[in-house]
Amino acid sequence: MASIDKPVNIDCRKRFVRVTNLRDDGFIEFDFAIGEPEIYLEMILRATDFDRFCDENMVAFLTDTQQAEGGWDWSMRDARKSGGGSEFNNKYEQGIKNAD
């Protein structure tokens, strides 16, 4: 992990995409990263908009090997499927009630 005291050199010209789902309704779910593939946003666009987005951002598509090496094997999508967010929200809400 990088130290807070030392600046991190991130090349913001590098853009990465990992397609995570091609939906039947014509939308594409994907992860988009700038500079470092480990720090990304989950996004969704129509296929035509996705193509334009990738062209305009000059993205590099990550291979399966790069995805595995980059730690892209977990996402918020996984947490939603497993209900992981509910446990945190319940604890958070309980903490607020106890503080009152």
Protein backbone atom coordinates (compact mmCIF):
# COMPACT_ATOMS: atom_id res chain seq x y z
CA MET A 1 0.00 0.00 0.00
CA ALA A 2 1.28 3.47 -0.86
CA SER A 3 2.31 5.75 1.95
CA ILE A 4 0.30 8.93 2.43
CA ASP A 5 3.55 10.87 2.71
CA LYS A 6 4.76 9.81 -0.73
CA PRO A 7 3.03 10.95 -3.92
CA VAL A 8 1.62 8.20 -6.12
CA ASN A 9 2.36 8.41 -9.81
CA ILE A 10 -0.83 7.59 -11.67
CA ASP A 11 -0.97 8.05 -15.41
CA CYS A 12 -4.47 9.41 -15.97
CA ARG A 13 -4.04 8.95 -19.72
CA LYS A 14 -4.42 5.18 -19.22
CA ARG A 15 -8.03 3.99 -19.32
CA PHE A 16 -9.23 0.43 -18.76
CA VAL A 17 -12.49 -1.43 -19.40
CA ARG A 18 -13.65 -4.85 -18.32
CA VAL A 19 -17.01 -5.98 -19.71
CA THR A 20 -18.94 -7.78 -16.98
CA ASN A 21 -22.31 -8.47 -18.61
CA LEU A 22 -23.99 -8.23 -22.00
CA ARG A 23 -27.66 -7.81 -21.20
CA ASP A 24 -30.56 -9.01 -23.34
CA ASP A 25 -32.01 -5.47 -23.41
CA GLY A 26 -28.98 -4.12 -25.32
CA PHE A 27 -27.12 -2.65 -22.37
CA ILE A 28 -23.52 -3.46 -21.48
CA GLU A 29 -22.37 -3.58 -17.87
CA PHE A 30 -18.69 -2.84 -17.41
CA ASP A 31 -15.99 -1.61 -15.07
CA PHE A 32 -14.10 1.53 -16.04
CA ALA A 33 -10.78 2.62 -14.54
CA ILE A 34 -8.49 5.60 -15.03
CA GLY A 35 -4.80 5.24 -14.25
CA GLU A 36 -4.98 2.06 -12.18
CA PRO A 37 -7.21 -0.89 -13.10
CA GLU A 38 -7.71 -1.74 -9.42
CA ILE A 39 -9.67 1.49 -8.83
CA TYR A 40 -12.78 1.44 -10.99
CA LEU A 41 -16.42 2.39 -11.41
CA GLU A 42 -19.19 0.01 -12.32
CA MET A 43 -21.06 1.45 -15.29
CA ILE A 44 -23.83 0.57 -17.73
CA LEU A 45 -24.46 1.97 -21.22
CA ARG A 46 -26.35 1.04 -24.37
CA ALA A 47 -24.11 -0.84 -26.81
CA THR A 48 -23.80 2.11 -29.22
CA ASP A 49 -22.98 4.49 -26.38
CA PHE A 50 -20.50 1.99 -24.96
CA ASP A 51 -18.65 1.82 -28.28
CA ARG A 52 -18.44 5.61 -28.47
CA PHE A 53 -17.39 5.85 -24.80
CA CYS A 54 -14.56 3.37 -25.38
CA ASP A 55 -13.41 5.14 -28.54
CA GLU A 56 -13.46 8.60 -26.93
CA ASN A 57 -11.56 7.36 -23.86
CA MET A 58 -9.13 5.23 -25.90
CA VAL A 59 -9.56 2.36 -23.43
CA ALA A 60 -7.51 -0.79 -23.12
CA PHE A 61 -9.68 -3.86 -22.70
CA LEU A 62 -8.40 -6.11 -19.94
CA THR A 63 -7.88 -9.79 -20.71
CA ASP A 64 -9.06 -12.56 -18.39
CA THR A 65 -5.49 -12.96 -17.11
CA GLN A 66 -5.08 -9.25 -16.43
CA GLN A 67 -8.44 -9.17 -14.68
CA ALA A 68 -7.46 -12.02 -12.35
CA GLU A 69 -4.06 -10.48 -11.62
CA GLY A 70 -5.58 -7.04 -11.02
CA GLY A 71 -7.97 -8.22 -8.33
CA TRP A 72 -11.05 -7.51 -10.43
CA ASP A 73 -12.68 -10.72 -9.20
CA TRP A 74 -15.01 -8.97 -6.75
CA SER A 75 -17.43 -6.09 -7.19
CA MET A 76 -20.35 -4.34 -5.56
CA ARG A 77 -22.51 -6.45 -7.86
CA ASP A 78 -21.30 -9.51 -5.93
CA ALA A 79 -22.21 -7.84 -2.65
CA ARG A 80 -25.72 -7.08 -3.89
CA LYS A 81 -26.21 -10.68 -5.03
CA SER A 82 -25.11 -12.04 -1.67
CA GLY A 83 -27.02 -9.42 0.31
CA GLY A 84 -23.75 -8.14 1.80
CA GLY A 85 -24.90 -4.55 1.85
CA SER A 86 -27.91 -5.35 4.03
CA GLU A 87 -25.77 -6.53 6.94
CA PHE A 88 -23.76 -3.30 6.95
CA ASN A 89 -26.88 -1.15 6.64
CA ASN A 90 -28.59 -3.00 9.50
CA LYS A 91 -25.56 -2.50 11.79
CA TYR A 92 -25.32 1.17 10.76
CA GLU A 93 -29.03 1.80 11.41
CA GLN A 94 -28.83 -0.03 14.75
CA GLY A 95 -25.86 2.13 15.74
CA ILE A 96 -27.84 5.29 15.00
CA LYS A 97 -30.78 4.07 17.08
CA ASN A 98 -28.48 3.21 19.99
CA ALA A 99 -26.85 6.66 19.84
CA ASP A 100 -30.23 8.38 20.38
